[in-house]
Amino acid sequence: MTTDPHDSEITVLAAANGLTIPSEFHAGVRSNLELLRSYGALIEGLELPDRLEPAFRYEP
């Protein structure tokens, strides 16, 4: 059995948050990390105007 390099990242991130994630869940955690990173990249690359208008029909 080979060790995925992401497993050590998952272990370190989990330990930093006081968690222990069993190795059988690493594949799912890895998928979630990749998804969250892709969302983060989308948000970071989003150009926003200097002035934002409320959404159509917005009522506070």
C-alpha atoms as a PDB file:
ATOM      1  CA  MET A   1       0.000   0.000   0.000  1.00  0.00           C
ATOM      2  CA  THR A   2       1.440   3.387  -1.000  1.00  0.00           C
ATOM      3  CA  THR A   3       0.920   6.525   1.012  1.00  0.00           C
ATOM      4  CA  ASP A   4      -0.688   9.470  -0.729  1.00  0.00           C
ATOM      5  CA  PRO A   5       1.278  12.700  -0.151  1.00  0.00           C
ATOM      6  CA  HIS A   6      -2.003  14.403   0.680  1.00  0.00           C
ATOM      7  CA  ASP A   7      -2.437  12.103   3.678  1.00  0.00           C
ATOM      8  CA  SER A   8       0.271  13.932   5.604  1.00  0.00           C
ATOM      9  CA  GLU A   9      -1.400  17.251   4.747  1.00  0.00           C
ATOM     10  CA  ILE A  10      -4.729  15.931   6.028  1.00  0.00           C
ATOM     11  CA  THR A  11      -3.071  14.672   9.210  1.00  0.00           C
ATOM     12  CA  VAL A  12      -1.352  18.028   9.825  1.00  0.00           C
ATOM     13  CA  LEU A  13      -4.501  20.062   9.127  1.00  0.00           C
ATOM     14  CA  ALA A  14      -6.565  17.785  11.358  1.00  0.00           C
ATOM     15  CA  ALA A  15      -4.023  17.947  14.191  1.00  0.00           C
ATOM     16  CA  ALA A  16      -3.908  21.752  13.932  1.00  0.00           C
ATOM     17  CA  ASN A  17      -7.655  21.710  14.604  1.00  0.00           C
ATOM     18  CA  GLY A  18      -7.509  19.145  17.381  1.00  0.00           C
ATOM     19  CA  LEU A  19      -8.921  16.327  15.223  1.00  0.00           C
ATOM     20  CA  THR A  20      -7.886  12.831  14.261  1.00  0.00           C
ATOM     21  CA  ILE A  21      -9.168  11.607  10.891  1.00  0.00           C
ATOM     22  CA  PRO A  22      -8.838   7.846  10.292  1.00  0.00           C
ATOM     23  CA  SER A  23      -7.072   6.943   7.047  1.00  0.00           C
ATOM     24  CA  GLU A  24     -10.178   5.296   5.564  1.00  0.00           C
ATOM     25  CA  PHE A  25     -11.765   8.772   5.382  1.00  0.00           C
ATOM     26  CA  HIS A  26      -8.779  10.517   3.768  1.00  0.00           C
ATOM     27  CA  ALA A  27     -10.074  10.031   0.200  1.00  0.00           C
ATOM     28  CA  GLY A  28     -13.312  11.868   1.055  1.00  0.00           C
ATOM     29  CA  VAL A  29     -11.471  14.601   2.937  1.00  0.00           C
ATOM     30  CA  ARG A  30      -9.080  14.984  -0.009  1.00  0.00           C
ATOM     31  CA  SER A  31     -12.039  15.420  -2.397  1.00  0.00           C
ATOM     32  CA  ASN A  32     -13.563  18.057  -0.127  1.00  0.00           C
ATOM     33  CA  LEU A  33     -10.249  19.916   0.151  1.00  0.00           C
ATOM     34  CA  GLU A  34      -9.920  19.999  -3.639  1.00  0.00           C
ATOM     35  CA  LEU A  35     -13.492  21.268  -4.005  1.00  0.00           C
ATOM     36  CA  LEU A  36     -13.021  23.971  -1.363  1.00  0.00           C
ATOM     37  CA  ARG A  37      -9.750  25.077  -2.967  1.00  0.00           C
ATOM     38  CA  SER A  38     -11.434  25.365  -6.371  1.00  0.00           C
ATOM     39  CA  TYR A  39     -14.193  27.507  -4.810  1.00  0.00           C
ATOM     40  CA  GLY A  40     -11.546  29.625  -3.100  1.00  0.00           C
ATOM     41  CA  ALA A  41      -9.759  30.157  -6.412  1.00  0.00           C
ATOM     42  CA  LEU A  42     -13.030  31.253  -8.021  1.00  0.00           C
ATOM     43  CA  ILE A  43     -13.717  33.741  -5.238  1.00  0.00           C
ATOM     44  CA  GLU A  44     -10.163  35.097  -5.231  1.00  0.00           C
ATOM     45  CA  GLY A  45     -10.300  35.621  -9.001  1.00  0.00           C
ATOM     46  CA  LEU A  46     -13.670  37.371  -8.945  1.00  0.00           C
ATOM     47  CA  GLU A  47     -13.508  41.035  -9.905  1.00  0.00           C
ATOM     48  CA  LEU A  48     -15.908  43.153  -7.856  1.00  0.00           C
ATOM     49  CA  PRO A  49     -16.914  46.712  -8.685  1.00  0.00           C
ATOM     50  CA  ASP A  50     -16.008  49.485  -6.255  1.00  0.00           C
ATOM     51  CA  ARG A  51     -19.688  50.025  -5.505  1.00  0.00           C
ATOM     52  CA  LEU A  52     -22.082  47.141  -4.911  1.00  0.00           C
ATOM     53  CA  GLU A  53     -25.834  47.485  -5.369  1.00  0.00           C
ATOM     54  CA  PRO A  54     -28.367  45.441  -3.402  1.00  0.00           C
ATOM     55  CA  ALA A  55     -29.923  42.476  -5.151  1.00  0.00           C
ATOM     56  CA  PHE A  56     -33.090  43.056  -7.174  1.00  0.00           C
ATOM     57  CA  ARG A  57     -36.109  43.149  -4.836  1.00  0.00           C
ATOM     58  CA  TYR A  58     -33.861  43.164  -1.744  1.00  0.00           C
ATOM     59  CA  GLU A  59     -35.727  44.060   1.432  1.00  0.00           C
ATOM     60  CA  PRO A  60     -33.749  44.365   4.665  1.00  0.00           C
END
